[in-house]
């Protein structure tokens, strides 16, 4: 099902967020860093950003609300920092299959997979706790495998 947070899709300082639940996938993350597909629209909007919430994360709709707030803030910061050139336009959030469907989730996941996600929401890592981190096994300037955020970080942090 598809969950849409409706904001102005073409206004540079806001982002159009879509949340897609994962159906029947309780497999661990198997990441392929070269299979990500983030695109840049003609007017500078980043699209096709994929965020995946791990199946083990307990249902908590506050996570989705905080993600919306943080992504809007990040889009505004990016827009100002790039002198009004770049912003976040569209994000898809994969929701665990065991979370209850909401009325406004309308479509099942189609091409979205955990392997393609550039941002993962999962339980804390023993080495980093709730501190966000990026898995970067390659050299400087190369794309990282993913960004890891925890539910506790998202729901208790006051800033991005």
Protein backbone atom coordinates (compact mmCIF):
# COMPACT_ATOMS: atom_id res chain seq x y z
CA UNK A 1 0.00 0.00 0.00
CA UNK A 2 1.16 3.54 -0.63
CA UNK A 3 1.11 6.22 2.05
CA UNK A 4 1.34 9.74 0.69
CA UNK A 5 2.14 12.81 2.72
CA UNK A 6 0.82 15.44 0.35
CA UNK A 7 2.98 18.49 0.09
CA UNK A 8 3.64 20.66 -2.92
CA UNK A 9 5.43 18.32 -5.30
CA UNK A 10 7.20 21.00 -7.30
CA UNK A 11 7.88 23.56 -4.59
CA UNK A 12 11.63 23.37 -3.90
CA UNK A 13 11.41 23.78 -0.15
CA UNK A 14 9.02 20.90 0.41
CA UNK A 15 9.18 17.25 -0.46
CA UNK A 16 6.62 14.76 -1.71
CA UNK A 17 6.87 11.69 0.51
CA UNK A 18 5.52 8.26 -0.30
CA UNK A 19 5.53 5.32 2.11
CA UNK A 20 5.31 1.83 0.67
CA UNK A 21 4.86 -1.20 2.95
CA UNK A 22 6.90 -4.30 2.25
CA UNK A 23 4.68 -7.33 1.86
CA UNK A 24 5.96 -10.73 2.96
CA UNK A 25 9.62 -9.75 3.22
CA UNK A 26 11.23 -10.63 6.51
CA UNK A 27 14.61 -11.38 5.01
CA UNK A 28 17.69 -9.63 6.45
CA UNK A 29 19.18 -6.78 4.46
CA UNK A 30 21.32 -7.96 1.54
CA UNK A 31 22.72 -4.72 0.22
CA UNK A 32 23.94 -4.09 -3.29
CA UNK A 33 25.42 -0.59 -3.21
CA UNK A 34 25.48 -0.33 -6.98
CA UNK A 35 21.74 -0.93 -7.39
CA UNK A 36 20.53 2.35 -5.91
CA UNK A 37 18.63 4.75 -8.13
CA UNK A 38 18.41 8.33 -6.93
CA UNK A 39 17.55 10.71 -9.73
CA UNK A 40 17.77 14.46 -10.14
CA UNK A 41 14.88 16.25 -11.86
CA UNK A 42 15.44 19.13 -14.27
CA UNK A 43 14.56 21.67 -11.60
CA UNK A 44 17.00 20.24 -9.03
CA UNK A 45 14.73 17.89 -7.08
CA UNK A 46 16.14 14.59 -5.84
CA UNK A 47 13.63 11.82 -6.59
CA UNK A 48 13.44 8.07 -6.06
CA UNK A 49 15.11 8.20 -2.65
CA UNK A 50 14.30 4.92 -0.93
CA UNK A 51 14.12 4.46 2.85
CA UNK A 52 13.46 0.97 4.27
CA UNK A 53 12.20 0.17 7.76
CA UNK A 54 13.47 -3.22 8.94
CA UNK A 55 10.88 -5.94 9.62
CA UNK A 56 12.09 -6.17 13.24
CA UNK A 57 11.17 -2.55 14.01
CA UNK A 58 7.96 -2.47 16.09
CA UNK A 59 5.05 -0.59 14.56
CA UNK A 60 5.32 3.08 15.44
CA UNK A 61 3.71 5.70 13.21
CA UNK A 62 5.75 8.39 14.99
CA UNK A 63 8.71 7.14 12.94
CA UNK A 64 6.89 8.13 9.72
CA UNK A 65 5.87 11.51 11.12
CA UNK A 66 9.44 12.28 12.26
CA UNK A 67 10.84 11.18 8.90
CA UNK A 68 8.49 13.63 7.19
CA UNK A 69 9.63 16.47 9.45
CA UNK A 70 13.33 15.64 9.09
CA UNK A 71 13.14 15.28 5.30
CA UNK A 72 11.37 18.62 4.94
CA UNK A 73 14.00 20.28 7.16
CA UNK A 74 16.83 18.58 5.25
CA UNK A 75 15.31 19.70 1.95
CA UNK A 76 15.14 23.31 3.11
CA UNK A 77 18.74 23.20 4.39
CA UNK A 78 19.95 21.64 1.13
CA UNK A 79 18.04 24.23 -0.90
CA UNK A 80 19.58 27.15 0.99
CA UNK A 81 23.08 25.62 1.07
CA UNK A 82 23.06 25.14 -2.70
CA UNK A 83 21.82 28.68 -3.37
CA UNK A 84 18.32 27.50 -4.32
CA UNK A 85 19.47 24.77 -6.73
CA UNK A 86 18.83 21.38 -5.05
CA UNK A 87 16.10 19.97 -2.80
CA UNK A 88 14.39 16.68 -1.87
CA UNK A 89 11.38 16.15 -4.10
CA UNK A 90 10.22 12.54 -3.67
CA UNK A 91 10.99 9.81 -1.13
CA UNK A 92 9.54 6.31 -0.84
CA UNK A 93 9.49 4.65 2.58
CA UNK A 94 9.14 0.87 2.70
CA UNK A 95 7.08 -0.18 5.69
CA UNK A 96 7.31 -3.66 7.30
CA UNK A 97 4.67 -6.10 6.10
CA UNK A 98 3.53 -6.82 9.65
CA UNK A 99 2.56 -3.19 10.33
CA UNK A 100 -1.19 -2.68 10.13
CA UNK A 101 -2.35 -1.19 6.83
CA UNK A 102 -3.52 2.37 7.04
CA UNK A 103 -6.43 3.65 4.92
CA UNK A 104 -4.18 5.94 2.92
CA UNK A 105 -1.65 3.25 1.93
CA UNK A 106 -2.97 2.51 -1.52
CA UNK A 107 -0.46 0.43 -3.49
CA UNK A 108 1.78 -2.57 -2.77
CA UNK A 109 5.54 -2.27 -3.24
CA UNK A 110 6.48 -2.92 -6.85
CA UNK A 111 10.10 -2.20 -7.73
CA UNK A 112 11.19 -1.23 -4.24
CA UNK A 113 13.47 -3.65 -2.40
CA UNK A 114 15.50 -3.47 0.78
CA UNK A 115 18.60 -4.01 -1.35
CA UNK A 116 18.01 -0.67 -3.11
CA UNK A 117 17.43 1.36 0.04
CA UNK A 118 19.97 4.09 0.72
CA UNK A 119 18.63 4.77 4.21
CA UNK A 120 17.79 2.00 6.65
CA UNK A 121 15.71 2.31 9.81
CA UNK A 122 16.70 -0.60 12.05
CA UNK A 123 17.47 -1.45 15.65
CA UNK A 124 20.64 -0.04 17.18
CA UNK A 125 24.05 -1.33 16.20
CA UNK A 126 26.22 -2.63 19.06
CA UNK A 127 29.13 -0.44 17.98
CA UNK A 128 27.20 2.81 17.46
CA UNK A 129 24.08 2.51 19.62
CA UNK A 130 21.43 4.99 18.48
CA UNK A 131 23.98 7.27 16.78
CA UNK A 132 23.40 7.51 13.01
CA UNK A 133 26.21 6.17 10.85
CA UNK A 134 27.04 5.46 7.23
CA UNK A 135 28.50 2.14 6.08
CA UNK A 136 31.32 3.19 3.74
CA UNK A 137 33.65 0.30 2.82
CA UNK A 138 35.01 2.01 -0.30
CA UNK A 139 37.24 5.03 -0.77
CA UNK A 140 36.57 8.69 -0.17
CA UNK A 141 34.18 10.17 -2.71
CA UNK A 142 32.51 6.80 -3.43
CA UNK A 143 28.86 6.18 -2.61
CA UNK A 144 28.26 4.56 0.77
CA UNK A 145 26.28 1.33 1.11
CA UNK A 146 23.64 2.96 3.29
CA UNK A 147 22.83 5.38 6.09
CA UNK A 148 21.63 3.68 9.30
CA UNK A 149 19.12 5.38 11.62
CA UNK A 150 17.37 3.86 14.63
CA UNK A 151 13.73 4.25 15.64
CA UNK A 152 14.85 5.75 18.97
CA UNK A 153 17.04 8.33 17.24
CA UNK A 154 14.16 9.36 14.98
CA UNK A 155 11.53 9.57 17.69
CA UNK A 156 13.61 11.20 20.45
CA UNK A 157 16.11 13.44 18.63
CA UNK A 158 15.28 17.13 18.48
CA UNK A 159 17.44 18.02 15.47
CA UNK A 160 18.55 16.49 12.21
